[in-house]
Amino acid sequence: MIASRVCALALLLAGAAIHATAVAQAAPHGTPTVVIDGVKFAPETVTVKRGDTVVWVNNDPFPHTVTAKGVFDSGEIPAGKSWRYKARKAGVYPYVCTLHPNMKATLKVE
């Protein structure tokens, strides 16, 4: 019983290490990044320049979306994956996860 728990813990930790490495590689250094974790977007507000690419990285163990009605929609972002959006037009864009509508944030494009 103890051996199986130790084995399960070792597998869990190995999986977490692989996941952390994959997420770290999802957004190049200097790229504006929003992390999805704990059913929240962080930061809740991100400000970028027109032409910048923003990356959303899903660290939760289930899918999310990044949706600003009529402006952008990521579709479902699977656990451990990311989605990129090139901000072409200046404005303030509130967005939500359509799967978890309590998740709200804002993209500001200058």
PDB file of N, CA and C in Angstrom:
ATOM      1  N   MET A   1       0.828  -1.193   0.000  1.00  0.00           N
ATOM      2  CA  MET A   1       0.000   0.000   0.000  1.00  0.00           C
ATOM      3  C   MET A   1       0.872   1.256   0.000  1.00  0.00           C
ATOM      4  N   ILE A   2       1.865   1.304   0.885  1.00  0.00           N
ATOM      5  CA  ILE A   2       2.745   2.471   0.949  1.00  0.00           C
ATOM      6  C   ILE A   2       3.553   2.583  -0.338  1.00  0.00           C
ATOM      7  N   ALA A   3       4.042   1.461  -0.849  1.00  0.00           N
ATOM      8  CA  ALA A   3       4.828   1.483  -2.088  1.00  0.00           C
ATOM      9  C   ALA A   3       4.011   2.035  -3.245  1.00  0.00           C
ATOM     10  N   SER A   4       2.733   1.676  -3.333  1.00  0.00           N
ATOM     11  CA  SER A   4       1.903   2.176  -4.435  1.00  0.00           C
ATOM     12  C   SER A   4       1.654   3.672  -4.283  1.00  0.00           C
ATOM     13  N   ARG A   5       1.531   4.163  -3.055  1.00  0.00           N
ATOM     14  CA  ARG A   5       1.347   5.608  -2.838  1.00  0.00           C
ATOM     15  C   ARG A   5       2.612   6.373  -3.196  1.00  0.00           C
ATOM     16  N   VAL A   6       3.765   5.821  -2.830  1.00  0.00           N
ATOM     17  CA  VAL A   6       5.035   6.458  -3.173  1.00  0.00           C
ATOM     18  C   VAL A   6       5.205   6.494  -4.689  1.00  0.00           C
ATOM     19  N   CYS A   7       4.868   5.411  -5.350  1.00  0.00           N
ATOM     20  CA  CYS A   7       4.961   5.341  -6.802  1.00  0.00           C
ATOM     21  C   CYS A   7       4.016   6.360  -7.453  1.00  0.00           C
ATOM     22  N   ALA A   8       2.798   6.450  -6.947  1.00  0.00           N
ATOM     23  CA  ALA A   8       1.824   7.403  -7.481  1.00  0.00           C
ATOM     24  C   ALA A   8       2.310   8.832  -7.282  1.00  0.00           C
ATOM     25  N   LEU A   9       2.898   9.135  -6.124  1.00  0.00           N
ATOM     26  CA  LEU A   9       3.424  10.469  -5.851  1.00  0.00           C
ATOM     27  C   LEU A   9       4.584  10.786  -6.795  1.00  0.00           C
ATOM     28  N   ALA A  10       5.455   9.826  -7.019  1.00  0.00           N
ATOM     29  CA  ALA A  10       6.586  10.025  -7.926  1.00  0.00           C
ATOM     30  C   ALA A  10       6.095  10.326  -9.341  1.00  0.00           C
ATOM     31  N   LEU A  11       5.086   9.608  -9.801  1.00  0.00           N
ATOM     32  CA  LEU A  11       4.525   9.855 -11.132  1.00  0.00           C
ATOM     33  C   LEU A  11       3.883  11.231 -11.211  1.00  0.00           C
ATOM     34  N   LEU A  12       3.179  11.621 -10.161  1.00  0.00           N
ATOM     35  CA  LEU A  12       2.541  12.934 -10.116  1.00  0.00           C
ATOM     36  C   LEU A  12       3.587  14.031 -10.188  1.00  0.00           C
ATOM     37  N   LEU A  13       4.647  13.914  -9.404  1.00  0.00           N
ATOM     38  CA  LEU A  13       5.707  14.923  -9.406  1.00  0.00           C
ATOM     39  C   LEU A  13       6.425  14.980 -10.753  1.00  0.00           C
ATOM     40  N   ALA A  14       6.671  13.849 -11.353  1.00  0.00           N
ATOM     41  CA  ALA A  14       7.310  13.822 -12.671  1.00  0.00           C
ATOM     42  C   ALA A  14       6.424  14.501 -13.710  1.00  0.00           C
ATOM     43  N   GLY A  15       5.137  14.217 -13.660  1.00  0.00           N
ATOM     44  CA  GLY A  15       4.191  14.856 -14.579  1.00  0.00           C
ATOM     45  C   GLY A  15       4.137  16.354 -14.383  1.00  0.00           C
ATOM     46  N   ALA A  16       4.174  16.810 -13.127  1.00  0.00           N
ATOM     47  CA  ALA A  16       4.153  18.244 -12.837  1.00  0.00           C
ATOM     48  C   ALA A  16       5.402  18.919 -13.378  1.00  0.00           C
ATOM     49  N   ALA A  17       6.546  18.273 -13.258  1.00  0.00           N
ATOM     50  CA  ALA A  17       7.793  18.842 -13.770  1.00  0.00           C
ATOM     51  C   ALA A  17       7.757  18.967 -15.289  1.00  0.00           C
ATOM     52  N   ILE A  18       7.253  17.942 -15.962  1.00  0.00           N
ATOM     53  CA  ILE A  18       7.138  17.991 -17.418  1.00  0.00           C
ATOM     54  C   ILE A  18       6.164  19.087 -17.826  1.00  0.00           C
ATOM     55  N   HIS A  19       5.021  19.188 -17.127  1.00  0.00           N
ATOM     56  CA  HIS A  19       4.020  20.210 -17.428  1.00  0.00           C
ATOM     57  C   HIS A  19       4.606  21.599 -17.240  1.00  0.00           C
ATOM     58  N   ALA A  20       5.335  21.841 -16.148  1.00  0.00           N
ATOM     59  CA  ALA A  20       5.929  23.155 -15.883  1.00  0.00           C
ATOM     60  C   ALA A  20       6.909  23.526 -16.983  1.00  0.00           C
ATOM     61  N   THR A  21       7.683  22.582 -17.458  1.00  0.00           N
ATOM     62  CA  THR A  21       8.633  22.844 -18.530  1.00  0.00           C
ATOM     63  C   THR A  21       7.903  23.190 -19.820  1.00  0.00           C
ATOM     64  N   ALA A  22       6.853  22.463 -20.133  1.00  0.00           N
ATOM     65  CA  ALA A  22       6.091  22.728 -21.359  1.00  0.00           C
ATOM     66  C   ALA A  22       5.453  24.106 -21.300  1.00  0.00           C
ATOM     67  N   VAL A  23       4.912  24.491 -20.148  1.00  0.00           N
ATOM     68  CA  VAL A  23       4.279  25.803 -20.015  1.00  0.00           C
ATOM     69  C   VAL A  23       5.320  26.899 -20.131  1.00  0.00           C
ATOM     70  N   ALA A  24       6.475  26.711 -19.510  1.00  0.00           N
ATOM     71  CA  ALA A  24       7.529  27.727 -19.577  1.00  0.00           C
ATOM     72  C   ALA A  24       7.967  27.959 -21.016  1.00  0.00           C
ATOM     73  N   GLN A  25       7.909  26.929 -21.849  1.00  0.00           N
ATOM     74  CA  GLN A  25       8.328  27.054 -23.239  1.00  0.00           C
ATOM     75  C   GLN A  25       7.225  27.632 -24.129  1.00  0.00           C
ATOM     76  N   ALA A  26       6.028  27.770 -23.604  1.00  0.00           N
ATOM     77  CA  ALA A  26       4.896  28.195 -24.426  1.00  0.00           C
ATOM     78  C   ALA A  26       4.966  29.663 -24.815  1.00  0.00           C
ATOM     79  N   ALA A  27       5.578  30.520 -23.981  1.00  0.00           N
ATOM     80  CA  ALA A  27       5.626  31.943 -24.246  1.00  0.00           C
ATOM     81  C   ALA A  27       7.073  32.424 -24.256  1.00  0.00           C
ATOM     82  N   PRO A  28       7.556  32.893 -25.409  1.00  0.00           N
ATOM     83  CA  PRO A  28       8.924  33.378 -25.476  1.00  0.00           C
ATOM     84  C   PRO A  28       9.148  34.550 -24.519  1.00  0.00           C
ATOM     85  N   HIS A  29      10.386  34.698 -24.053  1.00  0.00           N
ATOM     86  CA  HIS A  29      10.750  35.772 -23.131  1.00  0.00           C
ATOM     87  C   HIS A  29      10.354  37.127 -23.720  1.00  0.00           C
ATOM     88  N   GLY A  30       9.745  37.981 -22.906  1.00  0.00           N
ATOM     89  CA  GLY A  30       9.347  39.301 -23.346  1.00  0.00           C
ATOM     90  C   GLY A  30       7.963  39.357 -23.974  1.00  0.00           C
ATOM     91  N   THR A  31       7.360  38.230 -24.229  1.00  0.00           N
ATOM     92  CA  THR A  31       6.017  38.194 -24.811  1.00  0.00           C
ATOM     93  C   THR A  31       4.996  38.443 -23.709  1.00  0.00           C
ATOM     94  N   PRO A  32       4.077  39.418 -23.905  1.00  0.00           N
ATOM     95  CA  PRO A  32       3.030  39.609 -22.894  1.00  0.00           C
ATOM     96  C   PRO A  32       2.262  38.303 -22.700  1.00  0.00           C
ATOM     97  N   THR A  33       2.177  37.858 -21.442  1.00  0.00           N
ATOM     98  CA  THR A  33       1.594  36.551 -21.146  1.00  0.00           C
ATOM     99  C   THR A  33       0.551  36.655 -20.045  1.00  0.00           C
ATOM    100  N   VAL A  34      -0.578  35.987 -20.258  1.00  0.00           N
ATOM    101  CA  VAL A  34      -1.617  35.858 -19.244  1.00  0.00           C
ATOM    102  C   VAL A  34      -1.653  34.381 -18.861  1.00  0.00           C
ATOM    103  N   VAL A  35      -1.548  34.119 -17.569  1.00  0.00           N
ATOM    104  CA  VAL A  35      -1.576  32.747 -17.074  1.00  0.00           C
ATOM    105  C   VAL A  35      -2.980  32.431 -16.580  1.00  0.00           C
ATOM    106  N   ILE A  36      -3.496  31.302 -17.013  1.00  0.00           N
ATOM    107  CA  ILE A  36      -4.790  30.811 -16.551  1.00  0.00           C
ATOM    108  C   ILE A  36      -4.501  29.741 -15.515  1.00  0.00           C
ATOM    109  N   ASP A  37      -4.857  30.030 -14.275  1.00  0.00           N
ATOM    110  CA  ASP A  37      -4.546  29.103 -13.182  1.00  0.00           C
ATOM    111  C   ASP A  37      -5.524  29.348 -12.044  1.00  0.00           C
ATOM    112  N   GLY A  38      -6.037  28.281 -11.457  1.00  0.00           N
ATOM    113  CA  GLY A  38      -6.985  28.435 -10.352  1.00  0.00           C
ATOM    114  C   GLY A  38      -8.278  29.096 -10.784  1.00  0.00           C
ATOM    115  N   VAL A  39      -8.676  28.856 -12.031  1.00  0.00           N
ATOM    116  CA  VAL A  39      -9.895  29.413 -12.634  1.00  0.00           C
ATOM    117  C   VAL A  39      -9.866  30.950 -12.569  1.00  0.00           C
ATOM    118  N   LYS A  40      -8.678  31.513 -12.898  1.00  0.00           N
ATOM    119  CA  LYS A  40      -8.487  32.970 -12.948  1.00  0.00           C
ATOM    120  C   LYS A  40      -7.507  33.303 -14.061  1.00  0.00           C
ATOM    121  N   PHE A  41      -7.657  34.510 -14.606  1.00  0.00           N
ATOM    122  CA  PHE A  41      -6.685  35.064 -15.535  1.00  0.00           C
ATOM    123  C   PHE A  41      -5.730  35.938 -14.722  1.00  0.00           C
ATOM    124  N   ALA A  42      -4.426  35.807 -14.925  1.00  0.00           N
ATOM    125  CA  ALA A  42      -3.468  36.646 -14.208  1.00  0.00           C
ATOM    126  C   ALA A  42      -2.385  37.105 -15.185  1.00  0.00           C
ATOM    127  N   PRO A  43      -2.226  38.410 -15.323  1.00  0.00           N
ATOM    128  CA  PRO A  43      -2.947  39.460 -14.619  1.00  0.00           C
ATOM    129  C   PRO A  43      -4.353  39.637 -15.183  1.00  0.00           C
ATOM    130  N   GLU A  44      -5.209  40.284 -14.401  1.00  0.00           N
ATOM    131  CA  GLU A  44      -6.589  40.508 -14.847  1.00  0.00           C
ATOM    132  C   GLU A  44      -6.654  41.570 -15.931  1.00  0.00           C
ATOM    133  N   THR A  45      -5.672  42.455 -15.964  1.00  0.00           N
ATOM    134  CA  THR A  45      -5.593  43.461 -17.019  1.00  0.00           C
ATOM    135  C   THR A  45      -4.187  43.427 -17.591  1.00  0.00           C
ATOM    136  N   VAL A  46      -4.085  43.330 -18.904  1.00  0.00           N
ATOM    137  CA  VAL A  46      -2.793  43.387 -19.570  1.00  0.00           C
ATOM    138  C   VAL A  46      -2.864  44.480 -20.630  1.00  0.00           C
ATOM    139  N   THR A  47      -1.813  45.320 -20.669  1.00  0.00           N
ATOM    140  CA  THR A  47      -1.748  46.416 -21.627  1.00  0.00           C
ATOM    141  C   THR A  47      -0.605  46.156 -22.595  1.00  0.00           C
ATOM    142  N   VAL A  48      -0.925  46.249 -23.891  1.00  0.00           N
ATOM    143  CA  VAL A  48       0.063  45.995 -24.936  1.00  0.00           C
ATOM    144  C   VAL A  48      -0.002  47.097 -25.980  1.00  0.00           C
ATOM    145  N   LYS A  49       0.986  47.118 -26.843  1.00  0.00           N
ATOM    146  CA  LYS A  49       1.002  48.030 -27.985  1.00  0.00           C
ATOM    147  C   LYS A  49       0.355  47.338 -29.181  1.00  0.00           C
ATOM    148  N   ARG A  50      -0.214  48.150 -30.067  1.00  0.00           N
ATOM    149  CA  ARG A  50      -0.764  47.600 -31.302  1.00  0.00           C
ATOM    150  C   ARG A  50       0.331  46.837 -32.035  1.00  0.00           C
ATOM    151  N   GLY A  51       0.009  45.638 -32.495  1.00  0.00           N
ATOM    152  CA  GLY A  51       0.973  44.796 -33.189  1.00  0.00           C
ATOM    153  C   GLY A  51       1.626  43.753 -32.295  1.00  0.00           C
ATOM    154  N   ASP A  52       1.499  43.935 -30.962  1.00  0.00           N
ATOM    155  CA  ASP A  52       2.046  42.934 -30.038  1.00  0.00           C
ATOM    156  C   ASP A  52       1.228  41.649 -30.100  1.00  0.00           C
ATOM    157  N   THR A  53       1.880  40.545 -29.801  1.00  0.00           N
ATOM    158  CA  THR A  53       1.205  39.266 -29.667  1.00  0.00           C
ATOM    159  C   THR A  53       1.122  38.929 -28.189  1.00  0.00           C
ATOM    160  N   VAL A  54      -0.071  38.574 -27.742  1.00  0.00           N
ATOM    161  CA  VAL A  54      -0.302  38.193 -26.353  1.00  0.00           C
ATOM    162  C   VAL A  54      -0.488  36.681 -26.315  1.00  0.00           C
ATOM    163  N   VAL A  55       0.045  36.052 -25.267  1.00  0.00           N
ATOM    164  CA  VAL A  55      -0.083  34.605 -25.114  1.00  0.00           C
ATOM    165  C   VAL A  55      -0.853  34.308 -23.836  1.00  0.00           C
ATOM    166  N   TRP A  56      -1.852  33.436 -23.945  1.00  0.00           N
ATOM    167  CA  TRP A  56      -2.560  32.918 -22.774  1.00  0.00           C
ATOM    168  C   TRP A  56      -2.098  31.488 -22.574  1.00  0.00           C
ATOM    169  N   VAL A  57      -1.657  31.154 -21.363  1.00  0.00           N
ATOM    170  CA  VAL A  57      -1.151  29.819 -21.041  1.00  0.00           C
ATOM    171  C   VAL A  57      -2.086  29.184 -20.023  1.00  0.00           C
ATOM    172  N   ASN A  58      -2.652  28.039 -20.373  1.00  0.00           N
ATOM    173  CA  ASN A  58      -3.605  27.358 -19.494  1.00  0.00           C
ATOM    174  C   ASN A  58      -2.874  26.377 -18.566  1.00  0.00           C
ATOM    175  N   ASN A  59      -2.714  26.776 -17.305  1.00  0.00           N
ATOM    176  CA  ASN A  59      -2.095  25.903 -16.302  1.00  0.00           C
ATOM    177  C   ASN A  59      -3.115  25.066 -15.535  1.00  0.00           C
ATOM    178  N   ASP A  60      -4.403  25.284 -15.786  1.00  0.00           N
ATOM    179  CA  ASP A  60      -5.431  24.488 -15.113  1.00  0.00           C
ATOM    180  C   ASP A  60      -5.506  23.097 -15.749  1.00  0.00           C
ATOM    181  N   PRO A  61      -6.060  22.119 -15.015  1.00  0.00           N
ATOM    182  CA  PRO A  61      -6.140  20.758 -15.550  1.00  0.00           C
ATOM    183  C   PRO A  61      -7.357  20.512 -16.443  1.00  0.00           C
ATOM    184  N   PHE A  62      -7.985  21.581 -16.914  1.00  0.00           N
ATOM    185  CA  PHE A  62      -9.162  21.469 -17.777  1.00  0.00           C
ATOM    186  C   PHE A  62      -9.161  22.654 -18.741  1.00  0.00           C
ATOM    187  N   PRO A  63      -9.958  22.607 -19.813  1.00  0.00           N
ATOM    188  CA  PRO A  63      -9.926  23.650 -20.840  1.00  0.00           C
ATOM    189  C   PRO A  63     -10.560  24.965 -20.400  1.00  0.00           C
ATOM    190  N   HIS A  64     -10.162  26.025 -21.106  1.00  0.00           N
ATOM    191  CA  HIS A  64     -10.724  27.366 -20.946  1.00  0.00           C
ATOM    192  C   HIS A  64     -10.793  28.018 -22.318  1.00  0.00           C
ATOM    193  N   THR A  65     -11.517  29.127 -22.401  1.00  0.00           N
ATOM    194  CA  THR A  65     -11.498  29.960 -23.600  1.00  0.00           C
ATOM    195  C   THR A  65     -11.078  31.370 -23.211  1.00  0.00           C
ATOM    196  N   VAL A  66     -10.681  32.132 -24.230  1.00  0.00           N
ATOM    197  CA  VAL A  66     -10.389  33.555 -24.088  1.00  0.00           C
ATOM    198  C   VAL A  66     -11.260  34.217 -25.148  1.00  0.00           C
ATOM    199  N   THR A  67     -12.352  34.854 -24.707  1.00  0.00           N
ATOM    200  CA  THR A  67     -13.361  35.315 -25.660  1.00  0.00           C
ATOM    201  C   THR A  67     -13.795  36.752 -25.385  1.00  0.00           C
ATOM    202  N   ALA A  68     -13.544  37.627 -26.361  1.00  0.00           N
ATOM    203  CA  ALA A  68     -14.057  38.995 -26.354  1.00  0.00           C
ATOM    204  C   ALA A  68     -15.047  39.041 -27.511  1.00  0.00           C
ATOM    205  N   LYS A  69     -16.305  39.022 -27.177  1.00  0.00           N
ATOM    206  CA  LYS A  69     -17.358  38.887 -28.188  1.00  0.00           C
ATOM    207  C   LYS A  69     -17.147  39.846 -29.361  1.00  0.00           C
ATOM    208  N   GLY A  70     -17.111  39.276 -30.558  1.00  0.00           N
ATOM    209  CA  GLY A  70     -16.963  40.064 -31.779  1.00  0.00           C
ATOM    210  C   GLY A  70     -15.543  40.520 -32.068  1.00  0.00           C
ATOM    211  N   VAL A  71     -14.584  40.209 -31.177  1.00  0.00           N
ATOM    212  CA  VAL A  71     -13.206  40.662 -31.378  1.00  0.00           C
ATOM    213  C   VAL A  71     -12.249  39.485 -31.514  1.00  0.00           C
ATOM    214  N   PHE A  72     -12.242  38.589 -30.527  1.00  0.00           N
ATOM    215  CA  PHE A  72     -11.401  37.397 -30.605  1.00  0.00           C
ATOM    216  C   PHE A  72     -12.017  36.271 -29.801  1.00  0.00           C
ATOM    217  N   ASP A  73     -11.696  35.044 -30.218  1.00  0.00           N
ATOM    218  CA  ASP A  73     -12.182  33.852 -29.524  1.00  0.00           C
ATOM    219  C   ASP A  73     -11.174  32.733 -29.746  1.00  0.00           C
ATOM    220  N   SER A  74     -10.590  32.282 -28.659  1.00  0.00           N
ATOM    221  CA  SER A  74      -9.557  31.251 -28.738  1.00  0.00           C
ATOM    222  C   SER A  74     -10.102  29.869 -29.066  1.00  0.00           C
ATOM    223  N   GLY A  75     -11.399  29.650 -28.852  1.00  0.00           N
ATOM    224  CA  GLY A  75     -11.889  28.284 -28.826  1.00  0.00           C
ATOM    225  C   GLY A  75     -11.356  27.656 -27.547  1.00  0.00           C
ATOM    226  N   GLU A  76     -11.556  26.374 -27.363  1.00  0.00           N
ATOM    227  CA  GLU A  76     -11.086  25.725 -26.142  1.00  0.00           C
ATOM    228  C   GLU A  76      -9.565  25.580 -26.152  1.00  0.00           C
ATOM    229  N   ILE A  77      -8.934  26.068 -25.092  1.00  0.00           N
ATOM    230  CA  ILE A  77      -7.493  25.902 -24.900  1.00  0.00           C
ATOM    231  C   ILE A  77      -7.327  24.729 -23.938  1.00  0.00           C
ATOM    232  N   PRO A  78      -6.812  23.596 -24.398  1.00  0.00           N
ATOM    233  CA  PRO A  78      -6.673  22.437 -23.512  1.00  0.00           C
ATOM    234  C   PRO A  78      -5.698  22.698 -22.361  1.00  0.00           C
ATOM    235  N   ALA A  79      -5.805  21.890 -21.335  1.00  0.00           N
ATOM    236  CA  ALA A  79      -4.877  21.955 -20.202  1.00  0.00           C
ATOM    237  C   ALA A  79      -3.447  21.836 -20.713  1.00  0.00           C
ATOM    238  N   GLY A  80      -2.576  22.706 -20.189  1.00  0.00           N
ATOM    239  CA  GLY A  80      -1.163  22.652 -20.553  1.00  0.00           C
ATOM    240  C   GLY A  80      -0.824  23.254 -21.903  1.00  0.00           C
ATOM    241  N   LYS A  81      -1.798  23.853 -22.579  1.00  0.00           N
ATOM    242  CA  LYS A  81      -1.560  24.447 -23.904  1.00  0.00           C
ATOM    243  C   LYS A  81      -1.688  25.965 -23.817  1.00  0.00           C
ATOM    244  N   SER A  82      -1.389  26.625 -24.941  1.00  0.00           N
ATOM    245  CA  SER A  82      -1.469  28.081 -24.973  1.00  0.00           C
ATOM    246  C   SER A  82      -2.160  28.537 -26.255  1.00  0.00           C
ATOM    247  N   TRP A  83      -2.504  29.834 -26.263  1.00  0.00           N
ATOM    248  CA  TRP A  83      -3.132  30.443 -27.437  1.00  0.00           C
ATOM    249  C   TRP A  83      -2.558  31.840 -27.607  1.00  0.00           C
ATOM    250  N   ARG A  84      -2.318  32.247 -28.842  1.00  0.00           N
ATOM    251  CA  ARG A  84      -1.742  33.554 -29.146  1.00  0.00           C
ATOM    252  C   ARG A  84      -2.740  34.416 -29.904  1.00  0.00           C
ATOM    253  N   TYR A  85      -2.655  35.721 -29.631  1.00  0.00           N
ATOM    254  CA  TYR A  85      -3.505  36.685 -30.337  1.00  0.00           C
ATOM    255  C   TYR A  85      -2.666  37.909 -30.662  1.00  0.00           C
ATOM    256  N   LYS A  86      -2.665  38.322 -31.928  1.00  0.00           N
ATOM    257  CA  LYS A  86      -1.963  39.536 -32.340  1.00  0.00           C
ATOM    258  C   LYS A  86      -2.941  40.701 -32.261  1.00  0.00           C
ATOM    259  N   ALA A  87      -2.620  41.663 -31.384  1.00  0.00           N
ATOM    260  CA  ALA A  87      -3.488  42.826 -31.143  1.00  0.00           C
ATOM    261  C   ALA A  87      -3.271  43.854 -32.249  1.00  0.00           C
ATOM    262  N   ARG A  88      -4.229  43.974 -33.141  1.00  0.00           N
ATOM    263  CA  ARG A  88      -4.070  44.853 -34.307  1.00  0.00           C
ATOM    264  C   ARG A  88      -4.776  46.195 -34.164  1.00  0.00           C
ATOM    265  N   LYS A  89      -5.785  46.272 -33.309  1.00  0.00           N
ATOM    266  CA  LYS A  89      -6.590  47.487 -33.211  1.00  0.00           C
ATOM    267  C   LYS A  89      -6.603  48.001 -31.776  1.00  0.00           C
ATOM    268  N   ALA A  90      -6.322  49.309 -31.610  1.00  0.00           N
ATOM    269  CA  ALA A  90      -6.329  49.919 -30.275  1.00  0.00           C
ATOM    270  C   ALA A  90      -7.733  49.854 -29.679  1.00  0.00           C
ATOM    271  N   GLY A  91      -7.785  49.687 -28.376  1.00  0.00           N
ATOM    272  CA  GLY A  91      -9.068  49.644 -27.679  1.00  0.00           C
ATOM    273  C   GLY A  91      -8.950  48.897 -26.372  1.00  0.00           C
ATOM    274  N   VAL A  92     -10.061  48.849 -25.662  1.00  0.00           N
ATOM    275  CA  VAL A  92     -10.150  48.124 -24.397  1.00  0.00           C
ATOM    276  C   VAL A  92     -11.120  46.972 -24.626  1.00  0.00           C
ATOM    277  N   TYR A  93     -10.638  45.758 -24.395  1.00  0.00           N
ATOM    278  CA  TYR A  93     -11.400  44.564 -24.722  1.00  0.00           C
ATOM    279  C   TYR A  93     -11.600  43.678 -23.490  1.00  0.00           C
ATOM    280  N   PRO A  94     -12.760  43.793 -22.838  1.00  0.00           N
ATOM    281  CA  PRO A  94     -13.064  42.842 -21.764  1.00  0.00           C
ATOM    282  C   PRO A  94     -13.261  41.458 -22.377  1.00  0.00           C
ATOM    283  N   TYR A  95     -12.792  40.437 -21.684  1.00  0.00           N
ATOM    284  CA  TYR A  95     -12.972  39.078 -22.188  1.00  0.00           C
ATOM    285  C   TYR A  95     -13.316  38.133 -21.042  1.00  0.00           C
ATOM    286  N   VAL A  96     -13.843  36.961 -21.410  1.00  0.00           N
ATOM    287  CA  VAL A  96     -14.263  35.952 -20.431  1.00  0.00           C
ATOM    288  C   VAL A  96     -13.854  34.576 -20.934  1.00  0.00           C
ATOM    289  N   CYS A  97     -13.962  33.616 -20.035  1.00  0.00           N
ATOM    290  CA  CYS A  97     -13.916  32.208 -20.422  1.00  0.00           C
ATOM    291  C   CYS A  97     -15.364  31.786 -20.573  1.00  0.00           C
ATOM    292  N   THR A  98     -15.769  31.381 -21.767  1.00  0.00           N
ATOM    293  CA  THR A  98     -17.176  31.020 -21.976  1.00  0.00           C
ATOM    294  C   THR A  98     -17.556  29.749 -21.223  1.00  0.00           C
ATOM    295  N   LEU A  99     -16.562  28.940 -20.859  1.00  0.00           N
ATOM    296  CA  LEU A  99     -16.830  27.721 -20.096  1.00  0.00           C
ATOM    297  C   LEU A  99     -16.972  28.000 -18.606  1.00  0.00           C
ATOM    298  N   HIS A 100     -16.396  29.117 -18.147  1.00  0.00           N
ATOM    299  CA  HIS A 100     -16.414  29.521 -16.729  1.00  0.00           C
ATOM    300  C   HIS A 100     -16.648  31.034 -16.705  1.00  0.00           C
ATOM    301  N   PRO A 101     -17.884  31.495 -16.921  1.00  0.00           N
ATOM    302  CA  PRO A 101     -18.179  32.922 -17.099  1.00  0.00           C
ATOM    303  C   PRO A 101     -17.780  33.823 -15.935  1.00  0.00           C
ATOM    304  N   ASN A 102     -17.464  33.244 -14.781  1.00  0.00           N
ATOM    305  CA  ASN A 102     -16.996  34.067 -13.665  1.00  0.00           C
ATOM    306  C   ASN A 102     -15.551  34.516 -13.887  1.00  0.00           C
ATOM    307  N   MET A 103     -14.862  33.923 -14.854  1.00  0.00           N
ATOM    308  CA  MET A 103     -13.489  34.312 -15.198  1.00  0.00           C
ATOM    309  C   MET A 103     -13.552  35.490 -16.159  1.00  0.00           C
ATOM    310  N   LYS A 104     -13.096  36.656 -15.680  1.00  0.00           N
ATOM    311  CA  LYS A 104     -13.152  37.874 -16.492  1.00  0.00           C
ATOM    312  C   LYS A 104     -11.813  38.593 -16.404  1.00  0.00           C
ATOM    313  N   ALA A 105     -11.452  39.248 -17.502  1.00  0.00           N
ATOM    314  CA  ALA A 105     -10.226  40.036 -17.547  1.00  0.00           C
ATOM    315  C   ALA A 105     -10.343  41.057 -18.679  1.00  0.00           C
ATOM    316  N   THR A 106      -9.286  41.851 -18.851  1.00  0.00           N
ATOM    317  CA  THR A 106      -9.315  42.909 -19.860  1.00  0.00           C
ATOM    318  C   THR A 106      -7.989  42.981 -20.596  1.00  0.00           C
ATOM    319  N   LEU A 107      -8.069  43.117 -21.922  1.00  0.00           N
ATOM    320  CA  LEU A 107      -6.917  43.394 -22.758  1.00  0.00           C
ATOM    321  C   LEU A 107      -7.017  44.842 -23.216  1.00  0.00           C
ATOM    322  N   LYS A 108      -5.985  45.646 -22.906  1.00  0.00           N
ATOM    323  CA  LYS A 108      -5.908  47.033 -23.371  1.00  0.00           C
ATOM    324  C   LYS A 108      -4.846  47.110 -24.445  1.00  0.00           C
ATOM    325  N   VAL A 109      -5.228  47.641 -25.599  1.00  0.00           N
ATOM    326  CA  VAL A 109      -4.307  47.782 -26.715  1.00  0.00           C
ATOM    327  C   VAL A 109      -4.144  49.266 -27.004  1.00  0.00           C
ATOM    328  N   GLU A 110      -2.899  49.733 -26.900  1.00  0.00           N
ATOM    329  CA  GLU A 110      -2.609  51.170 -27.116  1.00  0.00           C
ATOM    330  C   GLU A 110      -2.147  51.431 -28.526  1.00  0.00           C
TER     331      GLU A 110
END
